[in-house]
C-alpha atoms as a PDB file:
ATOM      1  CA  MET A   1      55.970  21.695  40.620  1.00  0.00           C
ATOM      2  CA  ASN A   2      57.896  21.249  37.336  1.00  0.00           C
ATOM      3  CA  THR A   3      56.276  21.062  33.893  1.00  0.00           C
ATOM      4  CA  LYS A   4      56.479  17.265  33.781  1.00  0.00           C
ATOM      5  CA  SER A   5      54.672  17.034  37.109  1.00  0.00           C
ATOM      6  CA  LYS A   6      51.992  19.452  35.931  1.00  0.00           C
ATOM      7  CA  VAL A   7      51.343  17.370  32.813  1.00  0.00           C
ATOM      8  CA  SER A   8      51.114  14.197  34.884  1.00  0.00           C
ATOM      9  CA  ALA A   9      48.681  15.790  37.316  1.00  0.00           C
ATOM     10  CA  THR A  10      46.534  17.130  34.476  1.00  0.00           C
ATOM     11  CA  THR A  11      46.538  13.716  32.795  1.00  0.00           C
ATOM     12  CA  ILE A  12      45.535  11.972  36.013  1.00  0.00           C
ATOM     13  CA  PHE A  13      42.729  14.486  36.549  1.00  0.00           C
ATOM     14  CA  PHE A  14      41.470  13.978  32.970  1.00  0.00           C
ATOM     15  CA  LEU A  15      41.562  10.195  33.286  1.00  0.00           C
ATOM     16  CA  SER A  16      39.662  10.367  36.581  1.00  0.00           C
ATOM     17  CA  CYS A  17      36.940  12.441  34.963  1.00  0.00           C
ATOM     18  CA  PHE A  18      36.857  10.049  32.012  1.00  0.00           C
ATOM     19  CA  PHE A  19      36.344   7.017  34.222  1.00  0.00           C
ATOM     20  CA  ILE A  20      33.685   8.802  36.274  1.00  0.00           C
ATOM     21  CA  ALA A  21      31.820   9.695  33.079  1.00  0.00           C
ATOM     22  CA  CYS A  22      32.114   6.141  31.749  1.00  0.00           C
ATOM     23  CA  ASN A  23      30.839   4.768  35.035  1.00  0.00           C
ATOM     24  CA  ALA A  24      27.867   7.144  35.000  1.00  0.00           C
ATOM     25  CA  PHE A  25      26.805   5.907  31.561  1.00  0.00           C
ATOM     26  CA  ALA A  26      27.899   2.283  31.972  1.00  0.00           C
ATOM     27  CA  GLN A  27      25.414  -0.330  30.884  1.00  0.00           C
ATOM     28  CA  LYS A  28      23.267  -1.315  33.841  1.00  0.00           C
ATOM     29  CA  GLU A  29      21.109  -4.442  33.734  1.00  0.00           C
ATOM     30  CA  SER A  30      18.149  -5.282  35.950  1.00  0.00           C
ATOM     31  CA  VAL A  31      15.837  -8.276  35.781  1.00  0.00           C
ATOM     32  CA  VAL A  32      12.148  -8.650  36.635  1.00  0.00           C
ATOM     33  CA  TYR A  33      10.520 -12.079  36.929  1.00  0.00           C
ATOM     34  CA  ILE A  34       6.799 -12.427  36.201  1.00  0.00           C
ATOM     35  CA  GLY A  35       4.622 -15.404  37.026  1.00  0.00           C
ATOM     36  CA  THR A  36       1.042 -16.451  36.351  1.00  0.00           C
ATOM     37  CA  ASN A  37      -1.435 -13.618  35.752  1.00  0.00           C
ATOM     38  CA  GLY A  38       1.327 -10.999  35.803  1.00  0.00           C
ATOM     39  CA  LYS A  39       2.407 -11.682  39.397  1.00  0.00           C
ATOM     40  CA  LEU A  40       5.845 -10.333  40.276  1.00  0.00           C
ATOM     41  CA  THR A  41       7.821 -13.279  41.595  1.00  0.00           C
ATOM     42  CA  ASN A  42      11.228 -14.977  41.748  1.00  0.00           C
ATOM     43  CA  ILE A  43      13.002 -17.011  39.088  1.00  0.00           C
ATOM     44  CA  ASP A  44      11.703 -20.324  40.459  1.00  0.00           C
ATOM     45  CA  GLN A  45       8.047 -19.389  39.804  1.00  0.00           C
ATOM     46  CA  ALA A  46       8.534 -17.193  36.744  1.00  0.00           C
ATOM     47  CA  ILE A  47       7.136 -17.850  33.280  1.00  0.00           C
ATOM     48  CA  PHE A  48       8.325 -14.528  31.863  1.00  0.00           C
ATOM     49  CA  MET A  49      11.557 -12.620  32.405  1.00  0.00           C
ATOM     50  CA  GLN A  50      12.232  -8.997  31.475  1.00  0.00           C
ATOM     51  CA  LYS A  51      15.800  -7.743  31.233  1.00  0.00           C
ATOM     52  CA  THR A  52      16.234  -3.980  31.294  1.00  0.00           C
ATOM     53  CA  LEU A  53      19.550  -2.668  29.964  1.00  0.00           C
ATOM     54  CA  ARG A  54      20.430   1.003  30.172  1.00  0.00           C
ATOM     55  CA  LYS A  55      22.739   1.668  27.235  1.00  0.00           C
ATOM     56  CA  SER A  56      23.129   5.426  27.679  1.00  0.00           C
ATOM     57  CA  SER A  57      21.473   8.355  29.408  1.00  0.00           C
ATOM     58  CA  LYS A  58      18.745   8.339  26.740  1.00  0.00           C
ATOM     59  CA  ILE A  59      18.561   4.759  25.426  1.00  0.00           C
ATOM     60  CA  THR A  60      17.229   1.740  27.338  1.00  0.00           C
ATOM     61  CA  THR A  61      16.209  -1.667  26.002  1.00  0.00           C
ATOM     62  CA  VAL A  62      13.816  -4.187  27.539  1.00  0.00           C
ATOM     63  CA  GLN A  63      14.097  -7.803  26.400  1.00  0.00           C
ATOM     64  CA  THR A  64      11.188 -10.121  27.231  1.00  0.00           C
ATOM     65  CA  TYR A  65      11.718 -13.878  27.519  1.00  0.00           C
ATOM     66  CA  GLN A  66       9.319 -16.769  28.061  1.00  0.00           C
ATOM     67  CA  LEU A  67      10.175 -20.035  29.783  1.00  0.00           C
ATOM     68  CA  THR A  68       9.651 -22.824  27.236  1.00  0.00           C
ATOM     69  CA  ASP A  69      10.795 -26.417  27.794  1.00  0.00           C
ATOM     70  CA  ALA A  70      13.004 -25.304  30.703  1.00  0.00           C
ATOM     71  CA  LYS A  71      14.767 -22.719  28.505  1.00  0.00           C
ATOM     72  CA  TRP A  72      14.363 -18.953  28.274  1.00  0.00           C
ATOM     73  CA  THR A  73      13.273 -17.999  24.759  1.00  0.00           C
ATOM     74  CA  LYS A  74      13.319 -14.358  23.669  1.00  0.00           C
ATOM     75  CA  LEU A  75       9.890 -13.083  22.614  1.00  0.00           C
ATOM     76  CA  TYR A  76      10.662  -9.508  21.656  1.00  0.00           C
ATOM     77  CA  THR A  77      12.800  -6.434  22.369  1.00  0.00           C
ATOM     78  CA  GLU A  78      11.594  -2.901  23.054  1.00  0.00           C
ATOM     79  CA  LYS A  79      13.878   0.114  22.689  1.00  0.00           C
ATOM     80  CA  TYR A  80      13.079   3.145  24.845  1.00  0.00           C
ATOM     81  CA  LYS A  81      14.387   6.572  23.868  1.00  0.00           C
ATOM     82  CA  THR A  82      13.969   9.446  26.305  1.00  0.00           C
ATOM     83  CA  LEU A  83      12.652  12.464  24.383  1.00  0.00           C
ATOM     84  CA  ASN A  84      12.149  14.688  27.431  1.00  0.00           C
ATOM     85  CA  ASP A  85      11.370  14.367  31.132  1.00  0.00           C
ATOM     86  CA  SER A  86       7.799  13.227  30.420  1.00  0.00           C
ATOM     87  CA  THR A  87       7.963  11.317  27.100  1.00  0.00           C
ATOM     88  CA  TYR A  88       9.444   8.027  25.879  1.00  0.00           C
ATOM     89  CA  GLN A  89       9.596   6.836  22.293  1.00  0.00           C
ATOM     90  CA  ILE A  90       9.249   3.045  22.229  1.00  0.00           C
ATOM     91  CA  ASN A  91      10.143   0.912  19.226  1.00  0.00           C
ATOM     92  CA  GLY A  92       9.053  -2.684  19.525  1.00  0.00           C
ATOM     93  CA  ASN A  93       8.151  -5.852  17.702  1.00  0.00           C
ATOM     94  CA  ARG A  94       5.528  -7.520  19.882  1.00  0.00           C
ATOM     95  CA  GLU A  95       3.265 -10.334  18.710  1.00  0.00           C
ATOM     96  CA  ASN A  96       0.244  -8.048  18.641  1.00  0.00           C
ATOM     97  CA  TYR A  97       1.905  -4.758  17.651  1.00  0.00           C
ATOM     98  CA  LYS A  98       4.870  -3.721  15.545  1.00  0.00           C
ATOM     99  CA  GLY A  99       5.942  -0.103  15.344  1.00  0.00           C
ATOM    100  CA  THR A 100       6.517   3.033  17.409  1.00  0.00           C
ATOM    101  CA  THR A 101       4.639   4.053  20.541  1.00  0.00           C
ATOM    102  CA  PHE A 102       4.948   7.375  22.366  1.00  0.00           C
ATOM    103  CA  ARG A 103       4.438   7.139  26.125  1.00  0.00           C
ATOM    104  CA  THR A 104       3.764  10.367  28.007  1.00  0.00           C
ATOM    105  CA  PHE A 105       3.645  10.300  31.789  1.00  0.00           C
ATOM    106  CA  THR A 106       3.441  12.277  35.000  1.00  0.00           C
ATOM    107  CA  LYS A 107       4.703  11.189  38.390  1.00  0.00           C
ATOM    108  CA  GLN A 108       2.123  10.942  41.167  1.00  0.00           C
ATOM    109  CA  ALA A 109       2.548  11.931  44.812  1.00  0.00           C
ATOM    110  CA  ASP A 110       2.881   8.274  45.875  1.00  0.00           C
ATOM    111  CA  GLY A 111       5.725   7.653  43.389  1.00  0.00           C
ATOM    112  CA  SER A 112       3.572   5.865  40.814  1.00  0.00           C
ATOM    113  CA  PHE A 113       2.992   7.133  37.272  1.00  0.00           C
ATOM    114  CA  LYS A 114      -0.001   8.131  35.194  1.00  0.00           C
ATOM    115  CA  PHE A 115       0.679   7.301  31.545  1.00  0.00           C
ATOM    116  CA  ARG A 116      -0.755   7.386  28.020  1.00  0.00           C
ATOM    117  CA  ASP A 117       0.439   5.271  25.073  1.00  0.00           C
ATOM    118  CA  VAL A 118      -0.161   6.664  21.569  1.00  0.00           C
ATOM    119  CA  ALA A 119       0.606   4.773  18.345  1.00  0.00           C
ATOM    120  CA  LYS A 120      -0.083   6.059  14.829  1.00  0.00           C
ATOM    121  CA  ASP A 121      -1.758   9.121  16.385  1.00  0.00           C
ATOM    122  CA  GLN A 122      -4.241   6.865  18.204  1.00  0.00           C
ATOM    123  CA  LEU A 123      -4.563   6.428  21.961  1.00  0.00           C
ATOM    124  CA  VAL A 124      -4.034   2.703  22.585  1.00  0.00           C
ATOM    125  CA  ARG A 125      -3.654   2.529  26.359  1.00  0.00           C
ATOM    126  CA  SER A 126      -3.790   4.743  29.442  1.00  0.00           C
ATOM    127  CA  GLY A 127      -3.641   4.186  33.152  1.00  0.00           C
ATOM    128  CA  PHE A 128      -1.374   3.901  36.154  1.00  0.00           C
ATOM    129  CA  ALA A 129       1.898   2.058  36.722  1.00  0.00           C
ATOM    130  CA  LYS A 130       4.553   1.567  39.373  1.00  0.00           C
ATOM    131  CA  SER A 131       7.255   1.263  36.725  1.00  0.00           C
ATOM    132  CA  LEU A 132       7.442   2.570  33.173  1.00  0.00           C
ATOM    133  CA  ILE A 133      10.597   0.715  32.051  1.00  0.00           C
ATOM    134  CA  PRO A 134       9.559  -2.076  32.049  1.00  0.00           C
ATOM    135  CA  LEU A 135       5.865  -1.321  32.301  1.00  0.00           C
ATOM    136  CA  LEU A 136       4.505  -2.745  35.566  1.00  0.00           C
ATOM    137  CA  VAL A 137       0.919  -1.637  35.997  1.00  0.00           C
ATOM    138  CA  HIS A 138      -0.957  -0.900  39.215  1.00  0.00           C
ATOM    139  CA  GLY A 139      -4.476   0.478  39.386  1.00  0.00           C
ATOM    140  CA  GLN A 140      -6.835   1.099  36.489  1.00  0.00           C
ATOM    141  CA  VAL A 141      -5.671   0.589  32.899  1.00  0.00           C
ATOM    142  CA  THR A 142      -7.825   1.269  29.822  1.00  0.00           C
ATOM    143  CA  GLU A 143      -7.107  -0.149  26.351  1.00  0.00           C
ATOM    144  CA  TYR A 144      -8.580   1.117  23.072  1.00  0.00           C
ATOM    145  CA  TYR A 145      -9.297  -0.285  19.622  1.00  0.00           C
ATOM    146  CA  PRO A 146      -7.732   1.480  16.585  1.00  0.00           C
ATOM    147  CA  GLY A 147     -11.009   3.291  15.909  1.00  0.00           C
ATOM    148  CA  GLY A 148     -11.021   4.822  19.380  1.00  0.00           C
ATOM    149  CA  ASN A 149     -13.644   2.634  21.090  1.00  0.00           C
ATOM    150  CA  LYS A 150     -12.788   1.162  24.472  1.00  0.00           C
ATOM    151  CA  LYS A 151     -11.455  -2.373  24.392  1.00  0.00           C
ATOM    152  CA  SER A 152     -11.143  -2.962  28.120  1.00  0.00           C
ATOM    153  CA  VAL A 153     -10.978  -1.290  31.519  1.00  0.00           C
ATOM    154  CA  SER A 154      -8.957  -3.419  33.918  1.00  0.00           C
ATOM    155  CA  GLU A 155      -7.871  -3.242  37.539  1.00  0.00           C
ATOM    156  CA  TYR A 156      -4.371  -4.386  38.499  1.00  0.00           C
ATOM    157  CA  ASN A 157      -2.664  -4.911  41.827  1.00  0.00           C
ATOM    158  CA  GLU A 158       1.140  -4.929  41.645  1.00  0.00           C
ATOM    159  CA  ASN A 159       0.905  -5.997  37.973  1.00  0.00           C
ATOM    160  CA  GLU A 160      -1.597  -8.810  38.684  1.00  0.00           C
ATOM    161  CA  LEU A 161      -4.914  -8.632  36.835  1.00  0.00           C
ATOM    162  CA  VAL A 162      -7.785  -8.387  39.332  1.00  0.00           C
ATOM    163  CA  SER A 163     -10.859  -7.677  37.189  1.00  0.00           C
ATOM    164  CA  ASN A 164     -11.902  -6.236  33.837  1.00  0.00           C
ATOM    165  CA  GLU A 165     -14.740  -4.960  31.708  1.00  0.00           C
ATOM    166  CA  ASN A 166     -14.510  -5.690  27.981  1.00  0.00           C
ATOM    167  CA  TRP A 167     -16.125  -4.457  24.778  1.00  0.00           C
ATOM    168  CA  LYS A 168     -16.279  -5.598  21.170  1.00  0.00           C
ATOM    169  CA  GLU A 169     -14.809  -3.347  18.477  1.00  0.00           C
ATOM    170  CA  ASN A 170     -18.304  -2.113  17.514  1.00  0.00           C
ATOM    171  CA  GLY A 171     -18.913  -0.904  21.068  1.00  0.00           C
ATOM    172  CA  ASP A 172     -21.101  -3.800  22.240  1.00  0.00           C
ATOM    173  CA  LYS A 173     -20.337  -5.225  25.672  1.00  0.00           C
ATOM    174  CA  TYR A 174     -18.207  -8.383  25.795  1.00  0.00           C
ATOM    175  CA  ILE A 175     -17.739 -10.843  28.656  1.00  0.00           C
ATOM    176  CA  GLY A 176     -16.160  -9.332  31.765  1.00  0.00           C
ATOM    177  CA  ASN A 177     -13.697 -10.623  34.366  1.00  0.00           C
ATOM    178  CA  VAL A 178     -11.833 -12.747  31.850  1.00  0.00           C
ATOM    179  CA  PHE A 179      -8.301 -13.946  32.629  1.00  0.00           C
ATOM    180  CA  TYR A 180      -5.533 -14.689  30.139  1.00  0.00           C
ATOM    181  CA  SER A 181      -3.032 -16.529  32.339  1.00  0.00           C
ATOM    182  CA  VAL A 182      -4.027 -19.163  34.897  1.00  0.00           C
ATOM    183  CA  ASP A 183      -2.552 -21.843  37.125  1.00  0.00           C
ATOM    184  CA  ILE A 184      -4.561 -24.661  35.503  1.00  0.00           C
ATOM    185  CA  ASP A 185      -5.732 -24.390  31.886  1.00  0.00           C
ATOM    186  CA  PRO A 186      -9.277 -25.435  30.934  1.00  0.00           C
ATOM    187  CA  LYS A 187      -9.776 -28.894  29.474  1.00  0.00           C
ATOM    188  CA  PHE A 188     -12.274 -30.149  26.884  1.00  0.00           C
ATOM    189  CA  ASN A 189     -13.604 -33.335  28.450  1.00  0.00           C
ATOM    190  CA  PRO A 190     -14.417 -35.410  25.320  1.00  0.00           C
ATOM    191  CA  GLY A 191     -10.821 -34.751  24.273  1.00  0.00           C
ATOM    192  CA  ILE A 192      -8.990 -32.610  21.733  1.00  0.00           C
ATOM    193  CA  LYS A 193      -9.233 -35.338  19.090  1.00  0.00           C
ATOM    194  CA  VAL A 194     -13.042 -35.158  19.230  1.00  0.00           C
ATOM    195  CA  MET A 195     -12.865 -31.391  18.846  1.00  0.00           C
ATOM    196  CA  HIS A 196     -10.598 -31.678  15.800  1.00  0.00           C
ATOM    197  CA  GLN A 197     -12.875 -34.227  14.152  1.00  0.00           C
ATOM    198  CA  HIS A 198     -15.908 -32.029  14.740  1.00  0.00           C
ATOM    199  CA  ILE A 199     -14.240 -29.001  13.117  1.00  0.00           C
ATOM    200  CA  LEU A 200     -13.062 -31.083  10.134  1.00  0.00           C
ATOM    201  CA  LYS A 201     -16.581 -32.394   9.650  1.00  0.00           C
ATOM    202  CA  GLY A 202     -17.879 -28.826   9.694  1.00  0.00           C
ATOM    203  CA  PHE A 203     -15.693 -27.914   6.720  1.00  0.00           C
ATOM    204  CA  GLU A 204     -16.606 -31.119   4.900  1.00  0.00           C
ATOM    205  CA  ASP A 205     -20.351 -30.588   5.433  1.00  0.00           C
ATOM    206  CA  ALA A 206     -20.020 -27.031   4.133  1.00  0.00           C
ATOM    207  CA  GLY A 207     -18.427 -28.340   0.935  1.00  0.00           C
ATOM    208  CA  ILE A 208     -15.178 -26.433   1.450  1.00  0.00           C
ATOM    209  CA  ASP A 209     -12.099 -27.926  -0.199  1.00  0.00           C
ATOM    210  CA  ILE A 210      -9.495 -27.731   2.562  1.00  0.00           C
ATOM    211  CA  ALA A 211      -6.662 -28.418   0.092  1.00  0.00           C
ATOM    212  CA  SER A 212      -7.402 -25.131  -1.677  1.00  0.00           C
ATOM    213  CA  ILE A 213      -6.916 -23.022   1.456  1.00  0.00           C
ATOM    214  CA  SER A 214      -3.587 -21.577   2.594  1.00  0.00           C
ATOM    215  CA  GLY A 215      -2.959 -19.482   5.696  1.00  0.00           C
ATOM    216  CA  SER A 216      -3.871 -19.324   9.360  1.00  0.00           C
ATOM    217  CA  LEU A 217      -7.162 -18.685  11.089  1.00  0.00           C
ATOM    218  CA  ILE A 218      -7.223 -17.714  14.772  1.00  0.00           C
ATOM    219  CA  LEU A 219     -10.374 -18.085  16.787  1.00  0.00           C
ATOM    220  CA  GLY A 220     -10.955 -17.078  20.389  1.00  0.00           C
ATOM    221  CA  PHE A 221     -13.602 -17.860  22.991  1.00  0.00           C
ATOM    222  CA  VAL A 222     -14.162 -17.727  26.730  1.00  0.00           C
ATOM    223  CA  VAL A 223     -14.360 -20.890  28.801  1.00  0.00           C
ATOM    224  CA  MET A 224     -16.852 -19.930  31.506  1.00  0.00           C
ATOM    225  CA  GLU A 225     -16.864 -20.998  35.158  1.00  0.00           C
ATOM    226  CA  ASN A 226     -19.640 -23.536  34.524  1.00  0.00           C
ATOM    227  CA  GLY A 227     -17.755 -25.373  31.761  1.00  0.00           C
ATOM    228  CA  THR A 228     -19.568 -23.827  28.792  1.00  0.00           C
ATOM    229  CA  ILE A 229     -17.989 -21.633  26.116  1.00  0.00           C
ATOM    230  CA  ASP A 230     -19.151 -18.162  25.157  1.00  0.00           C
ATOM    231  CA  GLY A 231     -17.953 -15.064  23.336  1.00  0.00           C
ATOM    232  CA  ILE A 232     -16.718 -16.916  20.235  1.00  0.00           C
ATOM    233  CA  LYS A 233     -14.995 -14.535  17.833  1.00  0.00           C
ATOM    234  CA  ILE A 234     -12.678 -14.600  14.860  1.00  0.00           C
ATOM    235  CA  ILE A 235      -9.389 -12.948  15.782  1.00  0.00           C
ATOM    236  CA  LYS A 236      -7.718 -13.460  12.418  1.00  0.00           C
ATOM    237  CA  GLY A 237      -9.855 -14.632   9.507  1.00  0.00           C
ATOM    238  CA  LEU A 238      -9.504 -16.087   6.008  1.00  0.00           C
ATOM    239  CA  GLY A 239     -12.686 -14.790   4.390  1.00  0.00           C
ATOM    240  CA  PRO A 240     -16.401 -14.799   5.248  1.00  0.00           C
ATOM    241  CA  ASN A 241     -17.167 -18.413   4.267  1.00  0.00           C
ATOM    242  CA  ILE A 242     -14.234 -19.998   6.067  1.00  0.00           C
ATOM    243  CA  ASN A 243     -14.699 -17.748   9.098  1.00  0.00           C
ATOM    244  CA  SER A 244     -18.399 -18.641   9.283  1.00  0.00           C
ATOM    245  CA  VAL A 245     -17.744 -22.396   9.169  1.00  0.00           C
ATOM    246  CA  ALA A 246     -15.085 -22.170  11.876  1.00  0.00           C
ATOM    247  CA  TYR A 247     -17.404 -20.078  14.047  1.00  0.00           C
ATOM    248  CA  GLU A 248     -20.371 -22.446  13.636  1.00  0.00           C
ATOM    249  CA  SER A 249     -18.173 -25.475  14.320  1.00  0.00           C
ATOM    250  CA  PHE A 250     -17.293 -24.128  17.737  1.00  0.00           C
ATOM    251  CA  ALA A 251     -20.819 -22.881  18.404  1.00  0.00           C
ATOM    252  CA  SER A 252     -22.179 -26.405  17.772  1.00  0.00           C
ATOM    253  CA  LEU A 253     -19.416 -28.218  19.646  1.00  0.00           C
ATOM    254  CA  GLN A 254     -20.935 -30.743  22.073  1.00  0.00           C
ATOM    255  CA  GLY A 255     -19.295 -31.450  25.377  1.00  0.00           C
ATOM    256  CA  SER A 256     -18.293 -29.648  28.535  1.00  0.00           C
ATOM    257  CA  TRP A 257     -15.069 -28.077  29.724  1.00  0.00           C
ATOM    258  CA  THR A 258     -13.288 -28.325  33.003  1.00  0.00           C
ATOM    259  CA  PRO A 259     -12.868 -24.603  33.718  1.00  0.00           C
ATOM    260  CA  ALA A 260      -9.582 -22.868  34.417  1.00  0.00           C
ATOM    261  CA  LYS A 261      -8.314 -22.249  37.924  1.00  0.00           C
ATOM    262  CA  LEU A 262      -6.368 -19.322  39.349  1.00  0.00           C
ATOM    263  CA  ASN A 263      -5.315 -19.192  43.003  1.00  0.00           C
ATOM    264  CA  ASP A 264      -7.515 -22.262  43.636  1.00  0.00           C
ATOM    265  CA  LYS A 265     -10.583 -20.463  42.274  1.00  0.00           C
ATOM    266  CA  THR A 266     -12.556 -21.262  39.120  1.00  0.00           C
ATOM    267  CA  VAL A 267     -12.255 -18.359  36.659  1.00  0.00           C
ATOM    268  CA  ARG A 268     -13.222 -17.336  33.142  1.00  0.00           C
ATOM    269  CA  TYR A 269     -10.428 -17.884  30.655  1.00  0.00           C
ATOM    270  CA  PHE A 270      -9.870 -16.514  27.171  1.00  0.00           C
ATOM    271  CA  GLN A 271      -8.797 -19.431  24.967  1.00  0.00           C
ATOM    272  CA  VAL A 272      -6.975 -18.871  21.683  1.00  0.00           C
ATOM    273  CA  PHE A 273      -7.399 -21.600  19.057  1.00  0.00           C
ATOM    274  CA  PRO A 274      -5.259 -21.362  15.876  1.00  0.00           C
ATOM    275  CA  ILE A 275      -5.949 -23.442  12.747  1.00  0.00           C
ATOM    276  CA  ASN A 276      -3.168 -23.630  10.171  1.00  0.00           C
ATOM    277  CA  PHE A 277      -4.064 -24.427   6.565  1.00  0.00           C
ATOM    278  CA  ILE A 278      -1.011 -25.770   4.736  1.00  0.00           C
ATOM    279  CA  TYR A 279      -1.656 -25.921   0.991  1.00  0.00           C
ATOM    280  CA  LYS A 280       1.534 -27.715  -0.027  1.00  0.00           C
ATOM    281  CA  GLU A 281       0.718 -30.662   2.235  1.00  0.00           C
ATOM    282  CA  TYR A 282      -2.992 -30.698   1.343  1.00  0.00           C
ATOM    283  CA  GLN A 283      -3.990 -30.632   4.949  1.00  0.00           C
ATOM    284  CA  PHE A 284      -4.496 -28.363   7.875  1.00  0.00           C
ATOM    285  CA  GLU A 285      -3.304 -28.737  11.405  1.00  0.00           C
ATOM    286  CA  PHE A 286      -4.380 -27.459  14.783  1.00  0.00           C
ATOM    287  CA  ALA A 287      -1.759 -25.489  16.641  1.00  0.00           C
ATOM    288  CA  GLU A 288      -1.606 -25.701  20.410  1.00  0.00           C
ATOM    289  CA  MET A 289      -4.392 -23.825  22.159  1.00  0.00           C
ATOM    290  CA  ARG A 290      -3.060 -20.984  24.238  1.00  0.00           C
ATOM    291  CA  GLY A 291      -3.909 -17.915  26.244  1.00  0.00           C
ATOM    292  CA  ALA A 292      -2.761 -14.408  25.537  1.00  0.00           C
ATOM    293  CA  THR A 293       0.683 -12.887  25.957  1.00  0.00           C
ATOM    294  CA  LEU A 294       2.346 -10.922  28.719  1.00  0.00           C
ATOM    295  CA  HIS A 295       0.542  -8.122  30.568  1.00  0.00           C
ATOM    296  CA  PHE A 296      -2.550  -7.511  28.457  1.00  0.00           C
ATOM    297  CA  GLY A 297      -5.064  -9.366  26.317  1.00  0.00           C
ATOM    298  CA  ALA A 298      -3.253  -9.910  23.041  1.00  0.00           C
ATOM    299  CA  TYR A 299      -6.358  -9.652  20.903  1.00  0.00           C
END
């Protein structure tokens, strides 16, 4: 073989290795579709979509979308960095958490994973999962408040919520077996307009000048199986007086609810009710009532 042939052969060998290396670290995308109550499903029944994109051997991103008005709208992106064979660093910008989480894990004999999520040196979640990127839970999962008290202990089956026990931040027991995503939302039978008028009257009777308030208040409660509400709590407040009036307005609300349904069964449902105070317009408005976000109770 002459020199020219040797150079050509070497070049071909180098290029082959280059393409093999590029192929090994090529971006690979996978998609998971999630339906009501976390159920893994197909695109036709999905309300959430998670796109996983492997950018390199150490960096993977997960983009979460929600189906809104027949269009997929991006909710947030999480960036996973592999630190070692048992630890991920996750940077995200979720609705209920912004910052860095460290996920440590061990693989179980059945192929599932046992994991722990730590943020700001605090344990926030631990349990079992069938997938870590994206996180698809299976078995028992425990969530914690920032102070270390238990928030919930839930059972999942293939990412679907089956049951839960819940606690308040002070350690007192909260309502159990509450769902955050259902097939049919609960309905206030006298109508939303009646509810709005009742809450407005509560502020007026308390002598609070609505025009002087600016910001958002978020209140949550559980619509029980029998059509009553329970477990009223302030998720995001605007001060003791305003919080108290909002709380009492819901506590004194007259009327019954048609409870939520999941898989043709009546279930308890955690309802989120935001009130937006807009100072510049000298009014406040009621945002759409909603449940919590993907996977876990948002609040």
